[in-house]
């Protein structure tokens, strides 16, 4: 049976009259009767009992008519969903994001995305920037969010810059760094972050820090600094402004602020996906709100 057969049985069951059903279906009564006989032969059961008073459904007819109505209803539901694809976003948004951004910035954007696109799904992985780039190269994700300046030939979008700060419970001035015996707490990073800090330090003091503590996570580094174990250099994205420590901005020789960049990137084909376009809209909305504040 095809869709027209399901509709024919539905109309016949509504009208219970061959003439009226034929008028609604815009066919002749003999043609309708012949088509019904073909359907009954296919099911090997009579579906309607004909009489001068009209039609009566047989038990088999009731079952087949119910089936016809279920099929028609499902088809209509799918049509409505297909039509809504033009106005609503479906599918999975696959993101790979640098851990520090995934912990501190991305959740605010995803909240906007989820609120405006409730039917979309999200797949998120976090890690080092080199891992994010590899995931994008391999096509494992639609877009990547990385720290530093990317060597990427495809589409990319600059998200924000954040200032670097000296964070400590005792040291208030950059000039006092080379005088202290307190340890310098650093976190592992595969981006250019470590190199930039080293270059800045060498330009400032021409000597290495007296003690170093190396940890694997930036959050561990932050908590150790907050608890007075030593001092750290942290990006502003990790700071709320409510920490009970001194925060001193790092500047270059020309007094320009030392900052870190964050980029969003991917292949052009990914940027054309509805869920990625919707995510970019959420990003722009968040950036607009942030800049106003």
C-alpha atoms as a PDB file:
ATOM      1  CA  UNK A   1       0.000   0.000   0.000  1.00  0.00           C
ATOM      2  CA  UNK A   2       1.067   3.540  -0.693  1.00  0.00           C
ATOM      3  CA  UNK A   3       0.091   6.884   0.803  1.00  0.00           C
ATOM      4  CA  UNK A   4      -2.908   7.307  -1.534  1.00  0.00           C
ATOM      5  CA  UNK A   5      -4.236   3.904  -0.406  1.00  0.00           C
ATOM      6  CA  UNK A   6      -3.983   4.904   3.259  1.00  0.00           C
ATOM      7  CA  UNK A   7      -5.786   8.151   2.551  1.00  0.00           C
ATOM      8  CA  UNK A   8      -8.474   6.318   0.546  1.00  0.00           C
ATOM      9  CA  UNK A   9      -9.243   3.973   3.454  1.00  0.00           C
ATOM     10  CA  UNK A  10      -9.270   6.886   5.907  1.00  0.00           C
ATOM     11  CA  UNK A  11     -11.789   8.831   3.776  1.00  0.00           C
ATOM     12  CA  UNK A  12     -13.970   5.751   3.280  1.00  0.00           C
ATOM     13  CA  UNK A  13     -14.012   5.133   7.040  1.00  0.00           C
ATOM     14  CA  UNK A  14     -15.001   8.758   7.653  1.00  0.00           C
ATOM     15  CA  UNK A  15     -17.813   8.849   5.081  1.00  0.00           C
ATOM     16  CA  UNK A  16     -19.002   5.235   5.137  1.00  0.00           C
ATOM     17  CA  UNK A  17     -20.430   5.999   1.721  1.00  0.00           C
ATOM     18  CA  UNK A  18     -18.853   5.221  -1.680  1.00  0.00           C
ATOM     19  CA  UNK A  19     -20.357   8.214  -3.480  1.00  0.00           C
ATOM     20  CA  UNK A  20     -19.332  10.781  -0.873  1.00  0.00           C
ATOM     21  CA  UNK A  21     -15.874   9.271  -0.541  1.00  0.00           C
ATOM     22  CA  UNK A  22     -15.412   9.329  -4.326  1.00  0.00           C
ATOM     23  CA  UNK A  23     -16.362  13.025  -4.394  1.00  0.00           C
ATOM     24  CA  UNK A  24     -13.802  13.874  -1.722  1.00  0.00           C
ATOM     25  CA  UNK A  25     -11.115  11.881  -3.497  1.00  0.00           C
ATOM     26  CA  UNK A  26     -12.003  13.402  -6.895  1.00  0.00           C
ATOM     27  CA  UNK A  27     -12.397   9.993  -8.546  1.00  0.00           C
ATOM     28  CA  UNK A  28     -15.320   8.147 -10.059  1.00  0.00           C
ATOM     29  CA  UNK A  29     -17.276   5.717  -7.937  1.00  0.00           C
ATOM     30  CA  UNK A  30     -16.379   2.689 -10.127  1.00  0.00           C
ATOM     31  CA  UNK A  31     -12.674   3.643  -9.955  1.00  0.00           C
ATOM     32  CA  UNK A  32     -12.913   3.898  -6.165  1.00  0.00           C
ATOM     33  CA  UNK A  33     -14.649   0.546  -5.930  1.00  0.00           C
ATOM     34  CA  UNK A  34     -12.030  -1.100  -8.110  1.00  0.00           C
ATOM     35  CA  UNK A  35      -9.195   0.337  -6.056  1.00  0.00           C
ATOM     36  CA  UNK A  36     -10.808  -0.875  -2.821  1.00  0.00           C
ATOM     37  CA  UNK A  37     -11.109  -4.371  -4.263  1.00  0.00           C
ATOM     38  CA  UNK A  38      -7.387  -4.328  -5.111  1.00  0.00           C
ATOM     39  CA  UNK A  39      -6.517  -3.312  -1.546  1.00  0.00           C
ATOM     40  CA  UNK A  40      -8.757  -6.021  -0.088  1.00  0.00           C
ATOM     41  CA  UNK A  41      -7.137  -8.575  -2.366  1.00  0.00           C
ATOM     42  CA  UNK A  42      -3.721  -7.438  -1.139  1.00  0.00           C
ATOM     43  CA  UNK A  43      -4.781  -8.010   2.487  1.00  0.00           C
ATOM     44  CA  UNK A  44      -6.770 -11.133   1.568  1.00  0.00           C
ATOM     45  CA  UNK A  45      -9.613  -9.886   3.758  1.00  0.00           C
ATOM     46  CA  UNK A  46     -12.790  -7.874   3.125  1.00  0.00           C
ATOM     47  CA  UNK A  47     -12.401  -4.464   4.762  1.00  0.00           C
ATOM     48  CA  UNK A  48     -15.900  -3.057   4.191  1.00  0.00           C
ATOM     49  CA  UNK A  49     -19.323  -4.632   3.856  1.00  0.00           C
ATOM     50  CA  UNK A  50     -21.302  -2.882   1.116  1.00  0.00           C
ATOM     51  CA  UNK A  51     -25.057  -2.390   1.405  1.00  0.00           C
ATOM     52  CA  UNK A  52     -27.719  -0.011   0.132  1.00  0.00           C
ATOM     53  CA  UNK A  53     -27.368   1.950   3.373  1.00  0.00           C
ATOM     54  CA  UNK A  54     -23.624   2.440   2.884  1.00  0.00           C
ATOM     55  CA  UNK A  55     -20.488   0.814   4.197  1.00  0.00           C
ATOM     56  CA  UNK A  56     -19.699  -1.064   7.392  1.00  0.00           C
ATOM     57  CA  UNK A  57     -16.189  -1.812   8.613  1.00  0.00           C
ATOM     58  CA  UNK A  58     -15.231  -5.428   9.170  1.00  0.00           C
ATOM     59  CA  UNK A  59     -12.930  -6.343  12.088  1.00  0.00           C
ATOM     60  CA  UNK A  60     -10.050  -6.579   9.595  1.00  0.00           C
ATOM     61  CA  UNK A  61     -11.135  -3.259   8.145  1.00  0.00           C
ATOM     62  CA  UNK A  62     -10.962  -1.587  11.536  1.00  0.00           C
ATOM     63  CA  UNK A  63      -7.381  -2.790  11.969  1.00  0.00           C
ATOM     64  CA  UNK A  64      -6.260  -1.645   8.518  1.00  0.00           C
ATOM     65  CA  UNK A  65      -8.005   1.739   8.843  1.00  0.00           C
ATOM     66  CA  UNK A  66      -6.291   2.281  12.222  1.00  0.00           C
ATOM     67  CA  UNK A  67      -2.983   1.423  10.568  1.00  0.00           C
ATOM     68  CA  UNK A  68      -3.729   3.872   7.758  1.00  0.00           C
ATOM     69  CA  UNK A  69      -4.455   6.667  10.207  1.00  0.00           C
ATOM     70  CA  UNK A  70      -1.273   5.951  12.208  1.00  0.00           C
ATOM     71  CA  UNK A  71       0.821   6.078   9.029  1.00  0.00           C
ATOM     72  CA  UNK A  72      -0.812   9.327   7.901  1.00  0.00           C
ATOM     73  CA  UNK A  73      -0.356  10.896  11.346  1.00  0.00           C
ATOM     74  CA  UNK A  74       3.347   9.938  11.485  1.00  0.00           C
ATOM     75  CA  UNK A  75       3.864  11.296   7.991  1.00  0.00           C
ATOM     76  CA  UNK A  76       2.234  14.573   8.962  1.00  0.00           C
ATOM     77  CA  UNK A  77       4.389  14.795  12.081  1.00  0.00           C
ATOM     78  CA  UNK A  78       7.554  14.281  10.058  1.00  0.00           C
ATOM     79  CA  UNK A  79       6.440  16.926   7.570  1.00  0.00           C
ATOM     80  CA  UNK A  80       5.978  19.405  10.409  1.00  0.00           C
ATOM     81  CA  UNK A  81       9.445  18.611  11.767  1.00  0.00           C
ATOM     82  CA  UNK A  82      10.999  18.999   8.335  1.00  0.00           C
ATOM     83  CA  UNK A  83       9.321  22.361   7.936  1.00  0.00           C
ATOM     84  CA  UNK A  84      10.542  23.439  11.364  1.00  0.00           C
ATOM     85  CA  UNK A  85      14.131  22.719  10.357  1.00  0.00           C
ATOM     86  CA  UNK A  86      14.063  26.061   8.571  1.00  0.00           C
ATOM     87  CA  UNK A  87      13.358  27.903  11.815  1.00  0.00           C
ATOM     88  CA  UNK A  88      14.855  25.620  14.495  1.00  0.00           C
ATOM     89  CA  UNK A  89      18.294  24.107  14.918  1.00  0.00           C
ATOM     90  CA  UNK A  90      18.700  20.347  15.257  1.00  0.00           C
ATOM     91  CA  UNK A  91      21.767  18.138  15.159  1.00  0.00           C
ATOM     92  CA  UNK A  92      24.852  17.918  17.355  1.00  0.00           C
ATOM     93  CA  UNK A  93      27.322  20.753  17.857  1.00  0.00           C
ATOM     94  CA  UNK A  94      30.783  19.220  18.263  1.00  0.00           C
ATOM     95  CA  UNK A  95      33.301  21.485  20.034  1.00  0.00           C
ATOM     96  CA  UNK A  96      36.879  21.009  21.184  1.00  0.00           C
ATOM     97  CA  UNK A  97      37.993  23.718  23.594  1.00  0.00           C
ATOM     98  CA  UNK A  98      41.116  24.655  25.520  1.00  0.00           C
ATOM     99  CA  UNK A  99      40.545  23.601  29.119  1.00  0.00           C
ATOM    100  CA  UNK A 100      40.953  27.050  30.637  1.00  0.00           C
ATOM    101  CA  UNK A 101      38.320  28.478  28.267  1.00  0.00           C
ATOM    102  CA  UNK A 102      36.042  25.482  28.776  1.00  0.00           C
ATOM    103  CA  UNK A 103      36.086  26.043  32.524  1.00  0.00           C
ATOM    104  CA  UNK A 104      35.696  29.812  32.662  1.00  0.00           C
ATOM    105  CA  UNK A 105      34.222  31.299  29.454  1.00  0.00           C
ATOM    106  CA  UNK A 106      32.480  28.679  27.357  1.00  0.00           C
ATOM    107  CA  UNK A 107      29.709  27.721  29.850  1.00  0.00           C
ATOM    108  CA  UNK A 108      28.216  31.231  29.608  1.00  0.00           C
ATOM    109  CA  UNK A 109      28.061  30.949  25.798  1.00  0.00           C
ATOM    110  CA  UNK A 110      26.625  27.433  25.873  1.00  0.00           C
ATOM    111  CA  UNK A 111      23.905  28.615  28.247  1.00  0.00           C
ATOM    112  CA  UNK A 112      22.777  31.145  25.614  1.00  0.00           C
ATOM    113  CA  UNK A 113      23.037  28.501  22.894  1.00  0.00           C
ATOM    114  CA  UNK A 114      20.912  25.968  24.787  1.00  0.00           C
ATOM    115  CA  UNK A 115      18.270  28.553  25.684  1.00  0.00           C
ATOM    116  CA  UNK A 116      17.787  29.607  22.036  1.00  0.00           C
ATOM    117  CA  UNK A 117      18.298  26.158  20.474  1.00  0.00           C
ATOM    118  CA  UNK A 118      16.620  23.627  22.778  1.00  0.00           C
ATOM    119  CA  UNK A 119      16.525  20.870  20.128  1.00  0.00           C
ATOM    120  CA  UNK A 120      20.276  20.937  19.441  1.00  0.00           C
ATOM    121  CA  UNK A 121      22.726  18.637  21.213  1.00  0.00           C
ATOM    122  CA  UNK A 122      26.271  19.392  22.349  1.00  0.00           C
ATOM    123  CA  UNK A 123      29.399  17.240  22.288  1.00  0.00           C
ATOM    124  CA  UNK A 124      32.312  18.903  24.115  1.00  0.00           C
ATOM    125  CA  UNK A 125      35.897  17.815  24.666  1.00  0.00           C
ATOM    126  CA  UNK A 126      38.579  19.875  26.424  1.00  0.00           C
ATOM    127  CA  UNK A 127      42.346  19.680  26.456  1.00  0.00           C
ATOM    128  CA  UNK A 128      45.516  21.435  25.408  1.00  0.00           C
ATOM    129  CA  UNK A 129      45.460  23.661  22.345  1.00  0.00           C
ATOM    130  CA  UNK A 130      47.578  21.197  20.338  1.00  0.00           C
ATOM    131  CA  UNK A 131      44.993  18.494  21.021  1.00  0.00           C
ATOM    132  CA  UNK A 132      42.194  20.856  19.987  1.00  0.00           C
ATOM    133  CA  UNK A 133      43.916  21.647  16.686  1.00  0.00           C
ATOM    134  CA  UNK A 134      44.439  17.950  15.997  1.00  0.00           C
ATOM    135  CA  UNK A 135      40.753  17.230  16.645  1.00  0.00           C
ATOM    136  CA  UNK A 136      39.782  19.926  14.132  1.00  0.00           C
ATOM    137  CA  UNK A 137      42.329  18.676  11.567  1.00  0.00           C
ATOM    138  CA  UNK A 138      40.981  15.131  11.896  1.00  0.00           C
ATOM    139  CA  UNK A 139      37.382  16.256  11.507  1.00  0.00           C
ATOM    140  CA  UNK A 140      36.446  14.891  14.942  1.00  0.00           C
ATOM    141  CA  UNK A 141      34.770  18.204  15.838  1.00  0.00           C
ATOM    142  CA  UNK A 142      33.113  21.070  13.972  1.00  0.00           C
ATOM    143  CA  UNK A 143      35.023  23.890  15.655  1.00  0.00           C
ATOM    144  CA  UNK A 144      37.936  24.375  18.008  1.00  0.00           C
ATOM    145  CA  UNK A 145      38.648  27.089  20.578  1.00  0.00           C
ATOM    146  CA  UNK A 146      42.342  27.536  21.307  1.00  0.00           C
ATOM    147  CA  UNK A 147      44.724  29.832  23.153  1.00  0.00           C
ATOM    148  CA  UNK A 148      47.551  31.740  21.522  1.00  0.00           C
ATOM    149  CA  UNK A 149      47.960  32.695  17.872  1.00  0.00           C
ATOM    150  CA  UNK A 150      46.988  29.768  15.627  1.00  0.00           C
ATOM    151  CA  UNK A 151      48.719  28.739  12.426  1.00  0.00           C
ATOM    152  CA  UNK A 152      45.410  28.055  10.705  1.00  0.00           C
ATOM    153  CA  UNK A 153      44.620  28.730   7.045  1.00  0.00           C
ATOM    154  CA  UNK A 154      40.857  28.215   7.271  1.00  0.00           C
ATOM    155  CA  UNK A 155      38.163  30.448   8.801  1.00  0.00           C
ATOM    156  CA  UNK A 156      38.928  31.735  12.287  1.00  0.00           C
ATOM    157  CA  UNK A 157      37.343  34.207  14.649  1.00  0.00           C
ATOM    158  CA  UNK A 158      39.103  36.210  17.361  1.00  0.00           C
ATOM    159  CA  UNK A 159      37.138  35.843  20.577  1.00  0.00           C
ATOM    160  CA  UNK A 160      38.923  37.898  23.219  1.00  0.00           C
ATOM    161  CA  UNK A 161      42.176  38.914  24.879  1.00  0.00           C
ATOM    162  CA  UNK A 162      42.815  38.596  28.585  1.00  0.00           C
ATOM    163  CA  UNK A 163      45.435  40.392  30.680  1.00  0.00           C
ATOM    164  CA  UNK A 164      48.138  38.457  32.546  1.00  0.00           C
ATOM    165  CA  UNK A 165      48.513  39.153  36.270  1.00  0.00           C
ATOM    166  CA  UNK A 166      50.995  38.450  39.010  1.00  0.00           C
ATOM    167  CA  UNK A 167      48.963  36.794  41.766  1.00  0.00           C
ATOM    168  CA  UNK A 168      50.301  36.549  45.321  1.00  0.00           C
ATOM    169  CA  UNK A 169      49.263  37.058  48.940  1.00  0.00           C
ATOM    170  CA  UNK A 170      52.369  39.140  49.752  1.00  0.00           C
ATOM    171  CA  UNK A 171      54.022  40.631  46.660  1.00  0.00           C
ATOM    172  CA  UNK A 172      52.383  43.857  45.513  1.00  0.00           C
ATOM    173  CA  UNK A 173      54.922  45.128  42.956  1.00  0.00           C
ATOM    174  CA  UNK A 174      56.551  43.525  39.930  1.00  0.00           C
ATOM    175  CA  UNK A 175      59.859  45.068  41.001  1.00  0.00           C
ATOM    176  CA  UNK A 176      59.881  42.937  44.152  1.00  0.00           C
ATOM    177  CA  UNK A 177      59.741  39.613  42.296  1.00  0.00           C
ATOM    178  CA  UNK A 178      63.470  39.119  41.984  1.00  0.00           C
ATOM    179  CA  UNK A 179      63.958  39.923  45.683  1.00  0.00           C
ATOM    180  CA  UNK A 180      61.671  37.225  47.104  1.00  0.00           C
ATOM    181  CA  UNK A 181      62.568  33.678  48.055  1.00  0.00           C
ATOM    182  CA  UNK A 182      58.961  32.573  47.586  1.00  0.00           C
ATOM    183  CA  UNK A 183      58.501  29.924  44.869  1.00  0.00           C
ATOM    184  CA  UNK A 184      57.171  30.720  41.418  1.00  0.00           C
ATOM    185  CA  UNK A 185      54.234  28.352  40.774  1.00  0.00           C
ATOM    186  CA  UNK A 186      53.764  27.486  37.106  1.00  0.00           C
ATOM    187  CA  UNK A 187      51.365  25.207  35.249  1.00  0.00           C
ATOM    188  CA  UNK A 188      52.105  22.993  32.261  1.00  0.00           C
ATOM    189  CA  UNK A 189      51.022  24.320  28.894  1.00  0.00           C
ATOM    190  CA  UNK A 190      51.685  23.242  25.319  1.00  0.00           C
ATOM    191  CA  UNK A 191      50.842  26.667  23.909  1.00  0.00           C
ATOM    192  CA  UNK A 192      53.156  29.677  23.672  1.00  0.00           C
ATOM    193  CA  UNK A 193      52.102  30.767  27.170  1.00  0.00           C
ATOM    194  CA  UNK A 194      55.186  29.400  28.938  1.00  0.00           C
ATOM    195  CA  UNK A 195      57.522  30.886  26.314  1.00  0.00           C
ATOM    196  CA  UNK A 196      55.894  34.313  26.568  1.00  0.00           C
ATOM    197  CA  UNK A 197      56.250  34.325  30.357  1.00  0.00           C
ATOM    198  CA  UNK A 198      59.896  33.292  30.127  1.00  0.00           C
ATOM    199  CA  UNK A 199      60.655  36.043  27.604  1.00  0.00           C
ATOM    200  CA  UNK A 200      58.847  38.633  29.737  1.00  0.00           C
ATOM    201  CA  UNK A 201      60.736  37.533  32.858  1.00  0.00           C
ATOM    202  CA  UNK A 202      64.121  37.637  31.133  1.00  0.00           C
ATOM    203  CA  UNK A 203      63.467  41.147  29.824  1.00  0.00           C
ATOM    204  CA  UNK A 204      62.485  42.305  33.305  1.00  0.00           C
ATOM    205  CA  UNK A 205      65.158  40.710  35.480  1.00  0.00           C
ATOM    206  CA  UNK A 206      67.844  38.959  33.381  1.00  0.00           C
ATOM    207  CA  UNK A 207      67.899  36.191  36.022  1.00  0.00           C
ATOM    208  CA  UNK A 208      65.769  33.097  36.529  1.00  0.00           C
ATOM    209  CA  UNK A 209      63.330  32.693  39.456  1.00  0.00           C
ATOM    210  CA  UNK A 210      64.989  31.330  42.586  1.00  0.00           C
ATOM    211  CA  UNK A 211      62.478  28.518  43.094  1.00  0.00           C
ATOM    212  CA  UNK A 212      59.974  26.855  40.826  1.00  0.00           C
ATOM    213  CA  UNK A 213      56.969  24.630  41.449  1.00  0.00           C
ATOM    214  CA  UNK A 214      55.479  23.031  38.326  1.00  0.00           C
ATOM    215  CA  UNK A 215      51.903  21.700  38.432  1.00  0.00           C
ATOM    216  CA  UNK A 216      49.839  20.017  35.739  1.00  0.00           C
ATOM    217  CA  UNK A 217      46.655  22.132  35.945  1.00  0.00           C
ATOM    218  CA  UNK A 218      46.067  25.885  35.957  1.00  0.00           C
ATOM    219  CA  UNK A 219      43.397  25.552  38.658  1.00  0.00           C
ATOM    220  CA  UNK A 220      45.909  23.804  40.939  1.00  0.00           C
ATOM    221  CA  UNK A 221      48.354  26.634  40.262  1.00  0.00           C
ATOM    222  CA  UNK A 222      45.710  29.203  41.182  1.00  0.00           C
ATOM    223  CA  UNK A 223      44.678  27.466  44.402  1.00  0.00           C
ATOM    224  CA  UNK A 224      48.282  27.155  45.548  1.00  0.00           C
ATOM    225  CA  UNK A 225      48.781  30.888  44.995  1.00  0.00           C
ATOM    226  CA  UNK A 226      45.535  31.721  46.799  1.00  0.00           C
ATOM    227  CA  UNK A 227      46.686  29.636  49.760  1.00  0.00           C
ATOM    228  CA  UNK A 228      49.965  31.521  50.032  1.00  0.00           C
ATOM    229  CA  UNK A 229      52.338  28.760  48.892  1.00  0.00           C
ATOM    230  CA  UNK A 230      53.961  31.040  46.335  1.00  0.00           C
ATOM    231  CA  UNK A 231      53.210  33.431  43.511  1.00  0.00           C
ATOM    232  CA  UNK A 232      51.809  32.714  40.049  1.00  0.00           C
ATOM    233  CA  UNK A 233      51.220  34.482  36.763  1.00  0.00           C
ATOM    234  CA  UNK A 234      47.629  33.870  35.681  1.00  0.00           C
ATOM    235  CA  UNK A 235      45.364  35.123  32.892  1.00  0.00           C
ATOM    236  CA  UNK A 236      42.425  37.262  33.925  1.00  0.00           C
ATOM    237  CA  UNK A 237      39.993  34.653  32.593  1.00  0.00           C
ATOM    238  CA  UNK A 238      40.755  32.605  35.713  1.00  0.00           C
ATOM    239  CA  UNK A 239      40.190  35.478  38.166  1.00  0.00           C
ATOM    240  CA  UNK A 240      36.857  36.684  39.498  1.00  0.00           C
ATOM    241  CA  UNK A 241      38.161  39.766  41.310  1.00  0.00           C
ATOM    242  CA  UNK A 242      36.985  38.397  44.646  1.00  0.00           C
ATOM    243  CA  UNK A 243      40.169  36.493  45.476  1.00  0.00           C
ATOM    244  CA  UNK A 244      41.944  37.525  48.685  1.00  0.00           C
ATOM    245  CA  UNK A 245      45.284  38.179  46.966  1.00  0.00           C
ATOM    246  CA  UNK A 246      47.191  40.997  45.308  1.00  0.00           C
ATOM    247  CA  UNK A 247      46.840  41.062  41.524  1.00  0.00           C
ATOM    248  CA  UNK A 248      49.325  43.135  39.553  1.00  0.00           C
ATOM    249  CA  UNK A 249      49.043  43.550  35.790  1.00  0.00           C
ATOM    250  CA  UNK A 250      52.036  42.536  33.677  1.00  0.00           C
ATOM    251  CA  UNK A 251      53.227  45.077  31.092  1.00  0.00           C
ATOM    252  CA  UNK A 252      55.766  45.108  28.300  1.00  0.00           C
ATOM    253  CA  UNK A 253      58.668  47.596  28.150  1.00  0.00           C
ATOM    254  CA  UNK A 254      56.464  50.092  26.304  1.00  0.00           C
ATOM    255  CA  UNK A 255      53.827  49.805  29.066  1.00  0.00           C
ATOM    256  CA  UNK A 256      51.407  47.875  26.846  1.00  0.00           C
ATOM    257  CA  UNK A 257      49.600  45.105  28.670  1.00  0.00           C
ATOM    258  CA  UNK A 258      50.809  41.528  28.301  1.00  0.00           C
ATOM    259  CA  UNK A 259      47.779  39.610  27.053  1.00  0.00           C
ATOM    260  CA  UNK A 260      46.686  36.234  25.725  1.00  0.00           C
ATOM    261  CA  UNK A 261      44.486  35.683  22.670  1.00  0.00           C
ATOM    262  CA  UNK A 262      41.682  33.159  22.270  1.00  0.00           C
ATOM    263  CA  UNK A 263      40.500  32.043  18.819  1.00  0.00           C
ATOM    264  CA  UNK A 264      37.655  30.007  17.358  1.00  0.00           C
ATOM    265  CA  UNK A 265      38.468  28.100  14.178  1.00  0.00           C
ATOM    266  CA  UNK A 266      37.295  25.340  11.860  1.00  0.00           C
ATOM    267  CA  UNK A 267      36.790  24.346   8.243  1.00  0.00           C
ATOM    268  CA  UNK A 268      34.465  26.375   5.999  1.00  0.00           C
ATOM    269  CA  UNK A 269      32.100  23.414   5.599  1.00  0.00           C
ATOM    270  CA  UNK A 270      31.611  23.310   9.381  1.00  0.00           C
ATOM    271  CA  UNK A 271      30.914  27.046   9.594  1.00  0.00           C
ATOM    272  CA  UNK A 272      28.016  26.528   7.157  1.00  0.00           C
ATOM    273  CA  UNK A 273      26.225  24.027   9.428  1.00  0.00           C
ATOM    274  CA  UNK A 274      23.068  25.412  11.120  1.00  0.00           C
ATOM    275  CA  UNK A 275      24.196  24.397  14.612  1.00  0.00           C
ATOM    276  CA  UNK A 276      27.589  26.081  14.133  1.00  0.00           C
ATOM    277  CA  UNK A 277      25.959  29.237  12.747  1.00  0.00           C
ATOM    278  CA  UNK A 278      23.666  29.295  15.790  1.00  0.00           C
ATOM    279  CA  UNK A 279      26.652  28.861  18.116  1.00  0.00           C
ATOM    280  CA  UNK A 280      28.452  31.768  16.454  1.00  0.00           C
ATOM    281  CA  UNK A 281      25.339  33.883  17.055  1.00  0.00           C
ATOM    282  CA  UNK A 282      25.472  32.966  20.754  1.00  0.00           C
ATOM    283  CA  UNK A 283      29.182  33.833  20.844  1.00  0.00           C
ATOM    284  CA  UNK A 284      28.558  37.254  19.291  1.00  0.00           C
ATOM    285  CA  UNK A 285      25.688  37.923  21.692  1.00  0.00           C
ATOM    286  CA  UNK A 286      27.858  37.044  24.690  1.00  0.00           C
ATOM    287  CA  UNK A 287      30.761  39.168  23.427  1.00  0.00           C
ATOM    288  CA  UNK A 288      28.377  42.084  22.884  1.00  0.00           C
ATOM    289  CA  UNK A 289      27.056  41.791  26.438  1.00  0.00           C
ATOM    290  CA  UNK A 290      30.591  41.479  27.822  1.00  0.00           C
ATOM    291  CA  UNK A 291      31.816  44.559  25.957  1.00  0.00           C
ATOM    292  CA  UNK A 292      28.870  46.616  27.240  1.00  0.00           C
ATOM    293  CA  UNK A 293      29.739  45.682  30.791  1.00  0.00           C
END
